[in-house]
């Protein structure tokens, strides 16, 4: 059966597949680390991501639900539910949009700010002292022209 699968994808660059798999693994390790750090601080990983998005809104953007959904790569209704839960937890609050009274904008609360102040250094240390270098190397390997000679799936 393995031969049949390989026959269907004869043009596949098996070395690049290995590089892609390694990059995804490194990303997943960081996401897993982030989830654990967020939960240890008492919030979900999505709430931490929401705090990051709201706290870093560029001056030319508004902290609308649409913007939050775009930056978090979630559906609009998912962003609404997330903001609702974060607001109940005291992490963010809604304010009326001065230009369009039909919608509200999201601002970070002092409690949300405090959590960011706690979690950002933990994440930066995790990147610096953990797998950050390996993540960077795997990305460079993936986007560069070279392949990892030790991981050629097609040559097993």
Protein backbone atom coordinates (compact mmCIF):
# COMPACT_ATOMS: atom_id res chain seq x y z
CA UNK A 1 0.00 0.00 0.00
CA UNK A 2 2.90 2.38 0.68
CA UNK A 3 4.13 1.86 -2.87
CA UNK A 4 0.68 2.68 -4.21
CA UNK A 5 0.55 5.94 -2.23
CA UNK A 6 3.98 6.99 -3.46
CA UNK A 7 3.01 6.12 -7.02
CA UNK A 8 0.14 8.61 -6.84
CA UNK A 9 2.46 11.44 -5.81
CA UNK A 10 5.60 10.74 -7.81
CA UNK A 11 6.29 14.46 -8.19
CA UNK A 12 6.34 15.02 -4.43
CA UNK A 13 9.60 16.40 -3.06
CA UNK A 14 10.00 14.04 -0.11
CA UNK A 15 12.83 16.06 1.43
CA UNK A 16 10.68 19.21 1.45
CA UNK A 17 7.83 17.20 2.92
CA UNK A 18 10.15 16.29 5.79
CA UNK A 19 11.10 19.96 6.19
CA UNK A 20 7.43 20.95 6.22
CA UNK A 21 6.63 18.27 8.79
CA UNK A 22 9.49 19.46 11.00
CA UNK A 23 8.32 23.09 10.79
CA UNK A 24 4.77 22.09 11.69
CA UNK A 25 6.08 20.06 14.62
CA UNK A 26 8.09 23.04 15.92
CA UNK A 27 5.07 25.35 15.54
CA UNK A 28 2.87 22.86 17.35
CA UNK A 29 5.37 22.60 20.21
CA UNK A 30 5.26 26.39 20.63
CA UNK A 31 1.45 26.43 20.51
CA UNK A 32 1.35 23.64 23.09
CA UNK A 33 3.76 25.58 25.32
CA UNK A 34 1.62 28.71 24.92
CA UNK A 35 -1.57 26.84 25.79
CA UNK A 36 0.00 25.44 28.96
CA UNK A 37 1.42 28.83 30.01
CA UNK A 38 -1.92 30.55 29.44
CA UNK A 39 -3.84 27.92 31.36
CA UNK A 40 -1.33 28.14 34.23
CA UNK A 41 -2.13 31.87 34.40
CA UNK A 42 -5.85 31.08 34.56
CA UNK A 43 -6.97 31.91 31.02
CA UNK A 44 -7.38 29.99 27.78
CA UNK A 45 -4.89 30.23 24.95
CA UNK A 46 -7.55 31.98 22.84
CA UNK A 47 -8.08 34.57 25.56
CA UNK A 48 -4.33 35.21 25.63
CA UNK A 49 -4.33 35.60 21.85
CA UNK A 50 -7.31 37.97 22.10
CA UNK A 51 -5.42 40.09 24.64
CA UNK A 52 -2.44 40.25 22.30
CA UNK A 53 -4.60 41.33 19.38
CA UNK A 54 -6.49 44.00 21.31
CA UNK A 55 -3.35 45.36 22.99
CA UNK A 56 -1.46 45.71 19.71
CA UNK A 57 -4.08 47.30 17.45
CA UNK A 58 -2.25 49.66 15.07
CA UNK A 59 -3.24 53.34 15.26
CA UNK A 60 -4.89 53.18 11.83
CA UNK A 61 -7.14 50.23 12.81
CA UNK A 62 -10.09 49.83 15.13
CA UNK A 63 -10.54 47.05 17.66
CA UNK A 64 -13.74 45.82 16.05
CA UNK A 65 -14.93 42.26 16.23
CA UNK A 66 -14.22 41.96 12.50
CA UNK A 67 -10.60 43.00 13.01
CA UNK A 68 -10.24 40.63 15.97
CA UNK A 69 -11.73 37.75 13.96
CA UNK A 70 -9.35 38.44 11.09
CA UNK A 71 -6.25 38.57 13.31
CA UNK A 72 -7.24 35.45 15.23
CA UNK A 73 -8.24 33.60 12.05
CA UNK A 74 -11.68 32.74 13.42
CA UNK A 75 -15.23 33.35 12.28
CA UNK A 76 -16.99 36.54 13.30
CA UNK A 77 -19.42 34.73 15.62
CA UNK A 78 -16.54 32.89 17.28
CA UNK A 79 -14.84 36.22 17.97
CA UNK A 80 -18.09 37.59 19.44
CA UNK A 81 -18.35 34.61 21.80
CA UNK A 82 -14.70 34.91 22.78
CA UNK A 83 -15.05 38.63 23.52
CA UNK A 84 -18.22 37.89 25.53
CA UNK A 85 -16.37 35.35 27.69
CA UNK A 86 -13.32 37.61 28.07
CA UNK A 87 -15.55 40.52 29.05
CA UNK A 88 -17.29 38.38 31.71
CA UNK A 89 -13.85 37.40 33.01
CA UNK A 90 -12.86 41.09 33.24
CA UNK A 91 -10.11 40.87 30.61
CA UNK A 92 -11.64 43.31 28.10
CA UNK A 93 -14.54 45.70 27.86
CA UNK A 94 -16.62 47.08 25.04
CA UNK A 95 -16.89 50.80 24.28
CA UNK A 96 -19.22 52.53 21.87
CA UNK A 97 -17.75 53.30 18.47
CA UNK A 98 -17.88 57.11 18.15
CA UNK A 99 -18.15 56.87 14.34
CA UNK A 100 -20.77 54.10 14.17
CA UNK A 101 -23.11 53.76 17.14
CA UNK A 102 -24.36 50.40 15.86
CA UNK A 103 -21.15 48.67 16.88
CA UNK A 104 -18.77 48.57 19.79
CA UNK A 105 -15.01 48.36 19.98
CA UNK A 106 -13.00 46.18 22.33
CA UNK A 107 -10.45 47.53 24.78
CA UNK A 108 -8.18 45.71 27.15
CA UNK A 109 -8.92 46.07 30.86
CA UNK A 110 -6.36 46.60 33.60
CA UNK A 111 -6.76 42.93 34.55
CA UNK A 112 -6.08 41.95 30.93
CA UNK A 113 -3.05 44.22 30.90
CA UNK A 114 -1.76 42.58 34.09
CA UNK A 115 -2.12 39.14 32.52
CA UNK A 116 -0.22 40.26 29.43
CA UNK A 117 2.52 41.66 31.65
CA UNK A 118 2.74 38.21 33.27
CA UNK A 119 2.48 36.07 30.14
CA UNK A 120 4.57 37.94 27.57
CA UNK A 121 7.87 37.47 29.45
CA UNK A 122 7.05 33.78 29.95
CA UNK A 123 6.45 33.37 26.22
CA UNK A 124 9.56 35.32 25.26
CA UNK A 125 11.66 33.21 27.62
CA UNK A 126 10.04 30.09 26.19
CA UNK A 127 11.04 31.12 22.69
CA UNK A 128 14.55 32.15 23.69
CA UNK A 129 15.33 29.24 25.98
CA UNK A 130 13.11 26.59 24.41
CA UNK A 131 12.59 25.62 20.82
CA UNK A 132 12.81 29.11 19.32
CA UNK A 133 16.12 28.47 17.60
CA UNK A 134 14.90 25.13 16.26
CA UNK A 135 11.68 26.76 15.02
CA UNK A 136 13.67 29.44 13.22
CA UNK A 137 16.03 26.87 11.73
CA UNK A 138 13.14 24.74 10.51
CA UNK A 139 11.51 27.78 8.87
CA UNK A 140 14.78 28.75 7.21
CA UNK A 141 15.18 25.17 6.02
CA UNK A 142 11.67 25.19 4.62
CA UNK A 143 11.82 28.49 2.75
CA UNK A 144 15.44 28.15 1.73
CA UNK A 145 16.54 26.13 -1.26
CA UNK A 146 18.25 23.47 0.81
CA UNK A 147 16.66 20.35 2.23
CA UNK A 148 17.46 18.38 5.30
CA UNK A 149 19.64 15.52 4.10
CA UNK A 150 18.92 13.44 7.19
CA UNK A 151 15.14 13.43 6.68
CA UNK A 152 14.30 12.23 3.21
CA UNK A 153 11.06 10.30 3.53
CA UNK A 154 11.18 9.08 -0.05
CA UNK A 155 14.57 7.40 0.43
CA UNK A 156 13.63 5.06 3.26
